[in-house]
Amino acid sequence: MKQAIIDLGTNTFHLLIADRQNGHPETLFRESRPARIGQAGINQGIITEEGIGRALDVLTYFRQKLDEFGVSDEQVLATGTSAIRVARNQAEFIERVRQQTRIPIRVLSGDQEAEYIYQGVRAAGALSDQTALIIDIGGGSVEFILGNQSRIFWKQSFEIGGQRLRERFMTADPISAGSIRRLTDYFQEQLLSLANAVHQYQPTVLVGSSGSFDTLIDMYYMHEKGRLPDLDQTSFTLPVAEFYRAYSLLTTRNHDERMQLPGMIELRVDMIVVAVCLIDFVLKQYAINQIRTSTYSLKEGILSSLD
């Protein structure tokens, strides 16, 4: 049976098509395309007309792929996250997508999003018996989950995603030292409940879920080995020293200079700046000195939870 998961993120839409034989899903097709539905509207709680247009363009293409692979409408699950979750014009957006593409959208709560991200990271083999602080940095929200390979201890979604942070704090490019200080103060203020949970559960490793973490791994591999990692590897170790090499490069270069960095992609070139500021804050604030990454995230978590 063919199944499709569509993750409608704030910056990027992802399509995953799998064929489930004997309960085990085999990936047939996956693609990520920029839709940037949060651009210029996310901090106002609206998806702009331009954002809706970009979304419809990407989803029309995804519809063609669904038809090409013969996925029935009943086996398509499209989930909306932060930008759609908070949009005042959510109902209009969902209806226009349904009318034009026949793709129905289910809006996830932050709690559901965090649960699926955990399932995806666990399916990637990125967790062990150690207590991990799992982070998924999206365009609209950031999910933090404390857990190990057996269970979740605590989870919460915060509306402090990269698109929000960029529009609010990244007033110059390269980002200024003052902006980084303001970001740090903002994280301190917004993440009080996380600080309490970290104090209680004492994580020893940070596990980053896809997105900017994928790009950090690509930069690491290009720097160390001169090639990108194998596509079938789903979990990696990122040395902290390598993270700080990338942090230094990303926070001191402008858009065009960042694009020249080996391993960088257009999709992440801007959001990764505020993402590494958040990762830096977490490592220092909670005295964590190990980083692992998972290429699996929300969509793989949803797929693994389907019967």
C-alpha atoms as a PDB file:
ATOM      1  CA  MET A   1       0.000   0.000   0.000  1.00  0.00           C
ATOM      2  CA  LYS A   2       1.371   3.394  -0.982  1.00  0.00           C
ATOM      3  CA  GLN A   3       1.229   6.187   1.578  1.00  0.00           C
ATOM      4  CA  ALA A   4       2.266   9.835   1.388  1.00  0.00           C
ATOM      5  CA  ILE A   5       3.158  12.259   4.154  1.00  0.00           C
ATOM      6  CA  ILE A   6       3.304  15.977   3.393  1.00  0.00           C
ATOM      7  CA  ASP A   7       4.860  18.233   6.034  1.00  0.00           C
ATOM      8  CA  LEU A   8       3.814  21.830   5.427  1.00  0.00           C
ATOM      9  CA  GLY A   9       6.524  23.693   7.300  1.00  0.00           C
ATOM     10  CA  THR A  10       6.821  27.439   7.683  1.00  0.00           C
ATOM     11  CA  ASN A  11       9.677  27.692   5.162  1.00  0.00           C
ATOM     12  CA  THR A  12       9.757  24.326   3.440  1.00  0.00           C
ATOM     13  CA  PHE A  13       7.200  21.760   2.294  1.00  0.00           C
ATOM     14  CA  HIS A  14       8.302  18.122   2.351  1.00  0.00           C
ATOM     15  CA  LEU A  15       6.808  15.164   0.485  1.00  0.00           C
ATOM     16  CA  LEU A  16       7.540  11.550   1.435  1.00  0.00           C
ATOM     17  CA  ILE A  17       5.975   8.687  -0.543  1.00  0.00           C
ATOM     18  CA  ALA A  18       6.439   5.158   0.804  1.00  0.00           C
ATOM     19  CA  ASP A  19       5.203   1.697  -0.056  1.00  0.00           C
ATOM     20  CA  ARG A  20       4.299  -0.349   3.010  1.00  0.00           C
ATOM     21  CA  GLN A  21       4.884  -4.065   2.455  1.00  0.00           C
ATOM     22  CA  ASN A  22       4.429  -6.413   5.438  1.00  0.00           C
ATOM     23  CA  GLY A  23       4.280  -3.426   7.765  1.00  0.00           C
ATOM     24  CA  HIS A  24       7.683  -2.070   6.710  1.00  0.00           C
ATOM     25  CA  PRO A  25       7.633   1.198   4.706  1.00  0.00           C
ATOM     26  CA  GLU A  26      10.043   1.488   1.782  1.00  0.00           C
ATOM     27  CA  THR A  27      10.705   5.043   0.600  1.00  0.00           C
ATOM     28  CA  LEU A  28       9.809   5.540  -3.064  1.00  0.00           C
ATOM     29  CA  PHE A  29      10.218   9.303  -3.352  1.00  0.00           C
ATOM     30  CA  ARG A  30      11.109  12.265  -1.191  1.00  0.00           C
ATOM     31  CA  GLU A  31      11.522  15.931  -1.993  1.00  0.00           C
ATOM     32  CA  SER A  32      11.641  19.234  -0.150  1.00  0.00           C
ATOM     33  CA  ARG A  33      10.696  22.516  -1.794  1.00  0.00           C
ATOM     34  CA  PRO A  34      10.721  26.071  -0.422  1.00  0.00           C
ATOM     35  CA  ALA A  35       7.251  27.574   0.041  1.00  0.00           C
ATOM     36  CA  ARG A  36       8.108  30.260   2.641  1.00  0.00           C
ATOM     37  CA  ILE A  37       4.510  30.626   3.811  1.00  0.00           C
ATOM     38  CA  GLY A  38       5.750  32.407   6.931  1.00  0.00           C
ATOM     39  CA  GLN A  39       7.595  35.120   5.031  1.00  0.00           C
ATOM     40  CA  ALA A  40       6.445  38.667   5.865  1.00  0.00           C
ATOM     41  CA  GLY A  41       3.414  37.449   7.787  1.00  0.00           C
ATOM     42  CA  ILE A  42       4.343  34.998  10.507  1.00  0.00           C
ATOM     43  CA  ASN A  43       4.868  37.561  13.265  1.00  0.00           C
ATOM     44  CA  GLN A  44       1.502  39.109  12.317  1.00  0.00           C
ATOM     45  CA  GLY A  45      -0.314  35.745  12.429  1.00  0.00           C
ATOM     46  CA  ILE A  46      -1.212  35.671   8.732  1.00  0.00           C
ATOM     47  CA  ILE A  47      -0.230  33.810   5.571  1.00  0.00           C
ATOM     48  CA  THR A  48       0.151  36.485   2.906  1.00  0.00           C
ATOM     49  CA  GLU A  49      -1.398  36.205  -0.551  1.00  0.00           C
ATOM     50  CA  GLU A  50       2.115  35.699  -1.950  1.00  0.00           C
ATOM     51  CA  GLY A  51       2.687  32.935   0.605  1.00  0.00           C
ATOM     52  CA  ILE A  52      -0.535  31.203  -0.404  1.00  0.00           C
ATOM     53  CA  GLY A  53       0.541  31.440  -4.055  1.00  0.00           C
ATOM     54  CA  ARG A  54       3.897  29.826  -3.331  1.00  0.00           C
ATOM     55  CA  ALA A  55       2.178  27.092  -1.292  1.00  0.00           C
ATOM     56  CA  LEU A  56      -0.238  26.311  -4.113  1.00  0.00           C
ATOM     57  CA  ASP A  57       2.632  26.114  -6.620  1.00  0.00           C
ATOM     58  CA  VAL A  58       4.511  23.558  -4.484  1.00  0.00           C
ATOM     59  CA  LEU A  59       1.396  21.554  -3.614  1.00  0.00           C
ATOM     60  CA  THR A  60       0.283  21.439  -7.261  1.00  0.00           C
ATOM     61  CA  TYR A  61       3.658  19.868  -8.041  1.00  0.00           C
ATOM     62  CA  PHE A  62       3.257  17.445  -5.098  1.00  0.00           C
ATOM     63  CA  ARG A  63      -0.215  16.538  -6.442  1.00  0.00           C
ATOM     64  CA  GLN A  64       1.397  15.578  -9.767  1.00  0.00           C
ATOM     65  CA  LYS A  65       3.858  13.327  -7.905  1.00  0.00           C
ATOM     66  CA  LEU A  66       1.061  11.689  -5.870  1.00  0.00           C
ATOM     67  CA  ASP A  67      -0.794  10.918  -9.099  1.00  0.00           C
ATOM     68  CA  GLU A  68       2.378   9.733 -10.802  1.00  0.00           C
ATOM     69  CA  PHE A  69       3.073   7.227  -7.990  1.00  0.00           C
ATOM     70  CA  GLY A  70      -0.585   6.205  -7.764  1.00  0.00           C
ATOM     71  CA  VAL A  71      -1.170   7.206  -4.142  1.00  0.00           C
ATOM     72  CA  SER A  72      -4.896   7.175  -3.355  1.00  0.00           C
ATOM     73  CA  ASP A  73      -6.394  10.293  -1.749  1.00  0.00           C
ATOM     74  CA  GLU A  74      -7.247   8.317   1.428  1.00  0.00           C
ATOM     75  CA  GLN A  75      -3.546   7.515   1.920  1.00  0.00           C
ATOM     76  CA  VAL A  76      -2.328  11.126   1.793  1.00  0.00           C
ATOM     77  CA  LEU A  77      -1.709  12.812   5.154  1.00  0.00           C
ATOM     78  CA  ALA A  78      -0.744  16.490   5.003  1.00  0.00           C
ATOM     79  CA  THR A  79       0.084  18.209   8.273  1.00  0.00           C
ATOM     80  CA  GLY A  80       0.262  21.912   8.985  1.00  0.00           C
ATOM     81  CA  THR A  81       2.582  23.248  11.667  1.00  0.00           C
ATOM     82  CA  SER A  82       3.420  26.631  13.198  1.00  0.00           C
ATOM     83  CA  ALA A  83       2.652  29.122  10.392  1.00  0.00           C
ATOM     84  CA  ILE A  84      -0.693  27.446   9.646  1.00  0.00           C
ATOM     85  CA  ARG A  85      -1.392  26.765  13.333  1.00  0.00           C
ATOM     86  CA  VAL A  86      -1.296  30.468  14.260  1.00  0.00           C
ATOM     87  CA  ALA A  87      -2.674  32.002  11.039  1.00  0.00           C
ATOM     88  CA  ARG A  88      -5.898  33.975  11.346  1.00  0.00           C
ATOM     89  CA  ASN A  89      -6.651  33.002   7.739  1.00  0.00           C
ATOM     90  CA  GLN A  90      -5.988  29.309   8.418  1.00  0.00           C
ATOM     91  CA  ALA A  91      -9.457  28.164   7.260  1.00  0.00           C
ATOM     92  CA  GLU A  92      -9.212  30.102   3.971  1.00  0.00           C
ATOM     93  CA  PHE A  93      -5.721  28.700   3.312  1.00  0.00           C
ATOM     94  CA  ILE A  94      -6.794  25.090   3.959  1.00  0.00           C
ATOM     95  CA  GLU A  95      -9.889  25.461   1.758  1.00  0.00           C
ATOM     96  CA  ARG A  96      -7.955  26.966  -1.159  1.00  0.00           C
ATOM     97  CA  VAL A  97      -5.417  24.146  -0.992  1.00  0.00           C
ATOM     98  CA  ARG A  98      -8.207  21.539  -0.916  1.00  0.00           C
ATOM     99  CA  GLN A  99     -10.036  23.091  -3.867  1.00  0.00           C
ATOM    100  CA  GLN A 100      -6.937  23.390  -6.053  1.00  0.00           C
ATOM    101  CA  THR A 101      -5.051  20.196  -5.133  1.00  0.00           C
ATOM    102  CA  ARG A 102      -7.514  17.841  -3.339  1.00  0.00           C
ATOM    103  CA  ILE A 103      -4.986  17.709  -0.488  1.00  0.00           C
ATOM    104  CA  PRO A 104      -6.711  17.971   2.918  1.00  0.00           C
ATOM    105  CA  ILE A 105      -4.578  19.550   5.663  1.00  0.00           C
ATOM    106  CA  ARG A 106      -4.630  18.448   9.294  1.00  0.00           C
ATOM    107  CA  VAL A 107      -3.240  21.112  11.629  1.00  0.00           C
ATOM    108  CA  LEU A 108      -1.038  19.680  14.376  1.00  0.00           C
ATOM    109  CA  SER A 109      -0.794  21.127  17.861  1.00  0.00           C
ATOM    110  CA  GLY A 110       2.713  21.897  19.099  1.00  0.00           C
ATOM    111  CA  ASP A 111       2.442  18.897  21.424  1.00  0.00           C
ATOM    112  CA  GLN A 112       1.530  16.527  18.567  1.00  0.00           C
ATOM    113  CA  GLU A 113       4.366  17.947  16.471  1.00  0.00           C
ATOM    114  CA  ALA A 114       6.873  17.269  19.274  1.00  0.00           C
ATOM    115  CA  GLU A 115       5.560  13.700  19.699  1.00  0.00           C
ATOM    116  CA  TYR A 116       5.978  12.899  15.986  1.00  0.00           C
ATOM    117  CA  ILE A 117       9.452  14.472  15.890  1.00  0.00           C
ATOM    118  CA  TYR A 118      10.492  12.202  18.769  1.00  0.00           C
ATOM    119  CA  GLN A 119       9.141   9.167  16.876  1.00  0.00           C
ATOM    120  CA  GLY A 120      11.129  10.193  13.791  1.00  0.00           C
ATOM    121  CA  VAL A 121      14.381  10.742  15.696  1.00  0.00           C
ATOM    122  CA  ARG A 122      13.954   7.396  17.456  1.00  0.00           C
ATOM    123  CA  ALA A 123      13.309   5.635  14.101  1.00  0.00           C
ATOM    124  CA  ALA A 124      16.578   7.141  12.790  1.00  0.00           C
ATOM    125  CA  GLY A 125      18.531   5.360  15.532  1.00  0.00           C
ATOM    126  CA  ALA A 126      19.777   8.650  16.989  1.00  0.00           C
ATOM    127  CA  LEU A 127      18.771   7.854  20.603  1.00  0.00           C
ATOM    128  CA  SER A 128      20.329   5.597  23.227  1.00  0.00           C
ATOM    129  CA  ASP A 129      19.848   5.020  26.967  1.00  0.00           C
ATOM    130  CA  GLN A 130      21.331   8.473  27.587  1.00  0.00           C
ATOM    131  CA  THR A 131      18.875  11.251  28.315  1.00  0.00           C
ATOM    132  CA  ALA A 132      18.871  13.482  25.235  1.00  0.00           C
ATOM    133  CA  LEU A 133      17.648  16.993  24.589  1.00  0.00           C
ATOM    134  CA  ILE A 134      16.079  16.687  21.125  1.00  0.00           C
ATOM    135  CA  ILE A 135      15.717  19.945  19.175  1.00  0.00           C
ATOM    136  CA  ASP A 136      13.806  20.527  15.966  1.00  0.00           C
ATOM    137  CA  ILE A 137      14.336  24.083  14.688  1.00  0.00           C
ATOM    138  CA  GLY A 138      11.567  24.940  12.259  1.00  0.00           C
ATOM    139  CA  GLY A 139      10.735  28.206  10.573  1.00  0.00           C
ATOM    140  CA  GLY A 140       7.814  28.931  12.897  1.00  0.00           C
ATOM    141  CA  SER A 141       8.353  26.862  16.024  1.00  0.00           C
ATOM    142  CA  VAL A 142      11.078  24.992  17.851  1.00  0.00           C
ATOM    143  CA  GLU A 143      10.268  21.693  19.537  1.00  0.00           C
ATOM    144  CA  PHE A 144      12.286  20.565  22.557  1.00  0.00           C
ATOM    145  CA  ILE A 145      11.901  16.992  23.775  1.00  0.00           C
ATOM    146  CA  LEU A 146      13.696  15.367  26.710  1.00  0.00           C
ATOM    147  CA  GLY A 147      13.833  11.602  26.376  1.00  0.00           C
ATOM    148  CA  ASN A 148      15.784   8.485  25.490  1.00  0.00           C
ATOM    149  CA  GLN A 149      15.165   5.570  23.110  1.00  0.00           C
ATOM    150  CA  SER A 150      12.520   4.170  25.459  1.00  0.00           C
ATOM    151  CA  ARG A 151      10.362   7.159  26.309  1.00  0.00           C
ATOM    152  CA  ILE A 152       9.672  10.885  26.424  1.00  0.00           C
ATOM    153  CA  PHE A 153      10.163  12.584  29.801  1.00  0.00           C
ATOM    154  CA  TRP A 154       9.056  16.090  28.775  1.00  0.00           C
ATOM    155  CA  LYS A 155       8.220  17.973  25.586  1.00  0.00           C
ATOM    156  CA  GLN A 156       7.152  21.463  24.554  1.00  0.00           C
ATOM    157  CA  SER A 157       6.801  23.498  21.374  1.00  0.00           C
ATOM    158  CA  PHE A 158       7.848  27.167  21.438  1.00  0.00           C
ATOM    159  CA  GLU A 159       6.854  29.698  18.773  1.00  0.00           C
ATOM    160  CA  ILE A 160      10.450  30.904  18.328  1.00  0.00           C
ATOM    161  CA  GLY A 161      11.286  29.412  14.918  1.00  0.00           C
ATOM    162  CA  GLY A 162      13.910  30.659  12.518  1.00  0.00           C
ATOM    163  CA  GLN A 163      11.647  32.797  10.317  1.00  0.00           C
ATOM    164  CA  ARG A 164      10.286  34.586  13.381  1.00  0.00           C
ATOM    165  CA  LEU A 165      13.785  35.125  14.783  1.00  0.00           C
ATOM    166  CA  ARG A 166      15.214  36.315  11.454  1.00  0.00           C
ATOM    167  CA  GLU A 167      12.495  38.914  10.926  1.00  0.00           C
ATOM    168  CA  ARG A 168      12.764  40.148  14.499  1.00  0.00           C
ATOM    169  CA  PHE A 169      16.486  40.040  15.252  1.00  0.00           C
ATOM    170  CA  MET A 170      18.573  39.696  12.091  1.00  0.00           C
ATOM    171  CA  THR A 171      18.539  43.344  11.081  1.00  0.00           C
ATOM    172  CA  ALA A 172      21.944  43.190   9.377  1.00  0.00           C
ATOM    173  CA  ASP A 173      23.749  40.574   7.311  1.00  0.00           C
ATOM    174  CA  PRO A 174      26.173  39.342   8.595  1.00  0.00           C
ATOM    175  CA  ILE A 175      24.310  39.259  11.902  1.00  0.00           C
ATOM    176  CA  SER A 176      25.658  41.823  14.380  1.00  0.00           C
ATOM    177  CA  ALA A 177      27.113  41.038  17.814  1.00  0.00           C
ATOM    178  CA  GLY A 178      24.309  43.147  19.297  1.00  0.00           C
ATOM    179  CA  SER A 179      21.668  41.031  17.561  1.00  0.00           C
ATOM    180  CA  ILE A 180      23.290  37.866  18.916  1.00  0.00           C
ATOM    181  CA  ARG A 181      23.194  39.330  22.442  1.00  0.00           C
ATOM    182  CA  ARG A 182      19.517  40.247  22.021  1.00  0.00           C
ATOM    183  CA  LEU A 183      18.784  36.742  20.731  1.00  0.00           C
ATOM    184  CA  THR A 184      20.513  35.225  23.772  1.00  0.00           C
ATOM    185  CA  ASP A 185      18.482  37.416  26.138  1.00  0.00           C
ATOM    186  CA  TYR A 186      15.320  36.424  24.279  1.00  0.00           C
ATOM    187  CA  PHE A 187      16.100  32.700  24.550  1.00  0.00           C
ATOM    188  CA  GLN A 188      16.789  33.127  28.265  1.00  0.00           C
ATOM    189  CA  GLU A 189      13.408  34.768  28.711  1.00  0.00           C
ATOM    190  CA  GLN A 190      11.369  32.446  26.469  1.00  0.00           C
ATOM    191  CA  LEU A 191      12.820  29.103  27.548  1.00  0.00           C
ATOM    192  CA  LEU A 192      12.292  29.204  31.322  1.00  0.00           C
ATOM    193  CA  SER A 193      10.172  26.042  31.301  1.00  0.00           C
ATOM    194  CA  LEU A 194      12.900  24.266  29.297  1.00  0.00           C
ATOM    195  CA  ALA A 195      15.536  25.349  31.834  1.00  0.00           C
ATOM    196  CA  ASN A 196      13.444  23.811  34.631  1.00  0.00           C
ATOM    197  CA  ALA A 197      12.994  20.562  32.693  1.00  0.00           C
ATOM    198  CA  VAL A 198      16.714  20.339  31.862  1.00  0.00           C
ATOM    199  CA  HIS A 199      17.514  20.844  35.556  1.00  0.00           C
ATOM    200  CA  GLN A 200      15.147  17.990  36.418  1.00  0.00           C
ATOM    201  CA  TYR A 201      16.174  15.458  33.739  1.00  0.00           C
ATOM    202  CA  GLN A 202      19.875  16.344  33.200  1.00  0.00           C
ATOM    203  CA  PRO A 203      20.375  15.558  29.479  1.00  0.00           C
ATOM    204  CA  THR A 204      23.937  14.678  28.439  1.00  0.00           C
ATOM    205  CA  VAL A 205      23.569  14.891  24.644  1.00  0.00           C
ATOM    206  CA  LEU A 206      21.874  17.272  22.223  1.00  0.00           C
ATOM    207  CA  VAL A 207      20.136  15.515  19.319  1.00  0.00           C
ATOM    208  CA  GLY A 208      19.282  17.810  16.425  1.00  0.00           C
ATOM    209  CA  SER A 209      16.476  16.869  14.085  1.00  0.00           C
ATOM    210  CA  SER A 210      16.972  17.468  10.338  1.00  0.00           C
ATOM    211  CA  GLY A 211      16.781  21.032   8.916  1.00  0.00           C
ATOM    212  CA  SER A 212      19.793  23.143   9.881  1.00  0.00           C
ATOM    213  CA  PHE A 213      21.425  20.114  11.508  1.00  0.00           C
ATOM    214  CA  ASP A 214      21.481  18.328   8.118  1.00  0.00           C
ATOM    215  CA  THR A 215      23.338  21.300   6.660  1.00  0.00           C
ATOM    216  CA  LEU A 216      25.816  21.358   9.566  1.00  0.00           C
ATOM    217  CA  ILE A 217      26.570  17.681   8.873  1.00  0.00           C
ATOM    218  CA  ASP A 218      26.958  18.408   5.140  1.00  0.00           C
ATOM    219  CA  MET A 219      29.410  21.229   5.965  1.00  0.00           C
ATOM    220  CA  TYR A 220      31.330  18.911   8.321  1.00  0.00           C
ATOM    221  CA  TYR A 221      31.616  16.152   5.716  1.00  0.00           C
ATOM    222  CA  MET A 222      32.691  18.550   2.984  1.00  0.00           C
ATOM    223  CA  HIS A 223      35.342  20.035   5.298  1.00  0.00           C
ATOM    224  CA  GLU A 224      36.651  16.709   6.626  1.00  0.00           C
ATOM    225  CA  LYS A 225      36.126  14.302   3.725  1.00  0.00           C
ATOM    226  CA  GLY A 226      35.486  16.465   0.682  1.00  0.00           C
ATOM    227  CA  ARG A 227      32.137  14.781   0.010  1.00  0.00           C
ATOM    228  CA  LEU A 228      28.561  14.725   1.245  1.00  0.00           C
ATOM    229  CA  PRO A 229      27.427  11.947   3.618  1.00  0.00           C
ATOM    230  CA  ASP A 230      25.786   8.770   2.361  1.00  0.00           C
ATOM    231  CA  LEU A 231      22.085   9.285   1.720  1.00  0.00           C
ATOM    232  CA  ASP A 232      21.127   6.102   3.557  1.00  0.00           C
ATOM    233  CA  GLN A 233      22.783   7.132   6.828  1.00  0.00           C
ATOM    234  CA  THR A 234      20.159   8.556   9.180  1.00  0.00           C
ATOM    235  CA  SER A 235      22.125   9.435  12.323  1.00  0.00           C
ATOM    236  CA  PHE A 236      25.449  11.230  12.806  1.00  0.00           C
ATOM    237  CA  THR A 237      27.786  12.521  15.492  1.00  0.00           C
ATOM    238  CA  LEU A 238      28.752  16.178  15.080  1.00  0.00           C
ATOM    239  CA  PRO A 239      31.889  17.125  17.060  1.00  0.00           C
ATOM    240  CA  VAL A 240      31.296  20.233  19.162  1.00  0.00           C
ATOM    241  CA  ALA A 241      34.519  21.753  17.792  1.00  0.00           C
ATOM    242  CA  GLU A 242      33.135  21.287  14.275  1.00  0.00           C
ATOM    243  CA  PHE A 243      29.889  22.981  15.286  1.00  0.00           C
ATOM    244  CA  TYR A 244      31.844  26.003  16.505  1.00  0.00           C
ATOM    245  CA  ARG A 245      33.914  26.107  13.291  1.00  0.00           C
ATOM    246  CA  ALA A 246      30.608  26.337  11.380  1.00  0.00           C
ATOM    247  CA  TYR A 247      29.134  28.809  13.901  1.00  0.00           C
ATOM    248  CA  SER A 248      32.083  31.160  13.380  1.00  0.00           C
ATOM    249  CA  LEU A 249      31.776  30.972   9.579  1.00  0.00           C
ATOM    250  CA  LEU A 250      27.994  31.418   9.546  1.00  0.00           C
ATOM    251  CA  THR A 251      27.828  34.366  11.931  1.00  0.00           C
ATOM    252  CA  THR A 252      30.594  36.382  10.236  1.00  0.00           C
ATOM    253  CA  ARG A 253      29.564  36.053   6.588  1.00  0.00           C
ATOM    254  CA  ASN A 254      26.748  37.550   4.544  1.00  0.00           C
ATOM    255  CA  HIS A 255      24.244  35.642   2.392  1.00  0.00           C
ATOM    256  CA  ASP A 256      26.448  35.415  -0.724  1.00  0.00           C
ATOM    257  CA  GLU A 257      29.523  34.414   1.282  1.00  0.00           C
ATOM    258  CA  ARG A 258      27.559  31.732   3.183  1.00  0.00           C
ATOM    259  CA  MET A 259      26.335  30.315  -0.152  1.00  0.00           C
ATOM    260  CA  GLN A 260      29.983  29.699  -1.070  1.00  0.00           C
ATOM    261  CA  LEU A 261      30.563  27.486   1.986  1.00  0.00           C
ATOM    262  CA  PRO A 262      30.915  23.824   0.935  1.00  0.00           C
ATOM    263  CA  GLY A 263      27.756  21.930   1.954  1.00  0.00           C
ATOM    264  CA  MET A 264      25.486  24.989   2.049  1.00  0.00           C
ATOM    265  CA  ILE A 265      22.133  24.997   0.218  1.00  0.00           C
ATOM    266  CA  GLU A 266      19.878  27.892  -0.769  1.00  0.00           C
ATOM    267  CA  LEU A 267      17.037  26.466   1.318  1.00  0.00           C
ATOM    268  CA  ARG A 268      18.934  27.038   4.597  1.00  0.00           C
ATOM    269  CA  VAL A 269      21.446  29.778   3.888  1.00  0.00           C
ATOM    270  CA  ASP A 270      19.677  32.470   5.937  1.00  0.00           C
ATOM    271  CA  MET A 271      17.744  30.621   8.626  1.00  0.00           C
ATOM    272  CA  ILE A 272      20.803  28.656   9.689  1.00  0.00           C
ATOM    273  CA  VAL A 273      22.333  31.829  11.172  1.00  0.00           C
ATOM    274  CA  VAL A 274      19.707  32.208  13.889  1.00  0.00           C
ATOM    275  CA  ALA A 275      19.560  28.406  14.232  1.00  0.00           C
ATOM    276  CA  VAL A 276      23.248  28.185  15.202  1.00  0.00           C
ATOM    277  CA  CYS A 277      22.735  31.033  17.679  1.00  0.00           C
ATOM    278  CA  LEU A 278      20.045  28.933  19.362  1.00  0.00           C
ATOM    279  CA  ILE A 279      22.230  25.786  19.328  1.00  0.00           C
ATOM    280  CA  ASP A 280      25.121  27.783  20.834  1.00  0.00           C
ATOM    281  CA  PHE A 281      22.805  29.061  23.586  1.00  0.00           C
ATOM    282  CA  VAL A 282      21.598  25.542  24.430  1.00  0.00           C
ATOM    283  CA  LEU A 283      25.085  24.006  24.518  1.00  0.00           C
ATOM    284  CA  LYS A 284      26.441  26.713  26.816  1.00  0.00           C
ATOM    285  CA  GLN A 285      23.371  27.246  28.985  1.00  0.00           C
ATOM    286  CA  TYR A 286      22.872  23.546  29.753  1.00  0.00           C
ATOM    287  CA  ALA A 287      26.560  22.483  29.697  1.00  0.00           C
ATOM    288  CA  ILE A 288      26.038  19.864  26.966  1.00  0.00           C
ATOM    289  CA  ASN A 289      29.161  18.708  25.124  1.00  0.00           C
ATOM    290  CA  GLN A 290      27.884  16.031  22.730  1.00  0.00           C
ATOM    291  CA  ILE A 291      25.872  16.559  19.541  1.00  0.00           C
ATOM    292  CA  ARG A 292      24.131  13.900  17.494  1.00  0.00           C
ATOM    293  CA  THR A 293      21.849  14.506  14.539  1.00  0.00           C
ATOM    294  CA  SER A 294      18.936  12.737  12.905  1.00  0.00           C
ATOM    295  CA  THR A 295      17.982  13.132   9.258  1.00  0.00           C
ATOM    296  CA  TYR A 296      14.515  11.901  10.263  1.00  0.00           C
ATOM    297  CA  SER A 297      11.970  14.287  11.700  1.00  0.00           C
ATOM    298  CA  LEU A 298       8.234  14.940  11.640  1.00  0.00           C
ATOM    299  CA  LYS A 299       7.258  13.157   8.421  1.00  0.00           C
ATOM    300  CA  GLU A 300       9.232  10.002   9.251  1.00  0.00           C
ATOM    301  CA  GLY A 301       7.733  10.054  12.738  1.00  0.00           C
ATOM    302  CA  ILE A 302       4.220  10.198  11.283  1.00  0.00           C
ATOM    303  CA  LEU A 303       5.059   7.376   8.842  1.00  0.00           C
ATOM    304  CA  SER A 304       6.452   5.176  11.627  1.00  0.00           C
ATOM    305  CA  SER A 305       3.316   5.728  13.730  1.00  0.00           C
ATOM    306  CA  LEU A 306       0.899   4.686  10.957  1.00  0.00           C
ATOM    307  CA  ASP A 307      -0.385   1.117  10.957  1.00  0.00           C
END
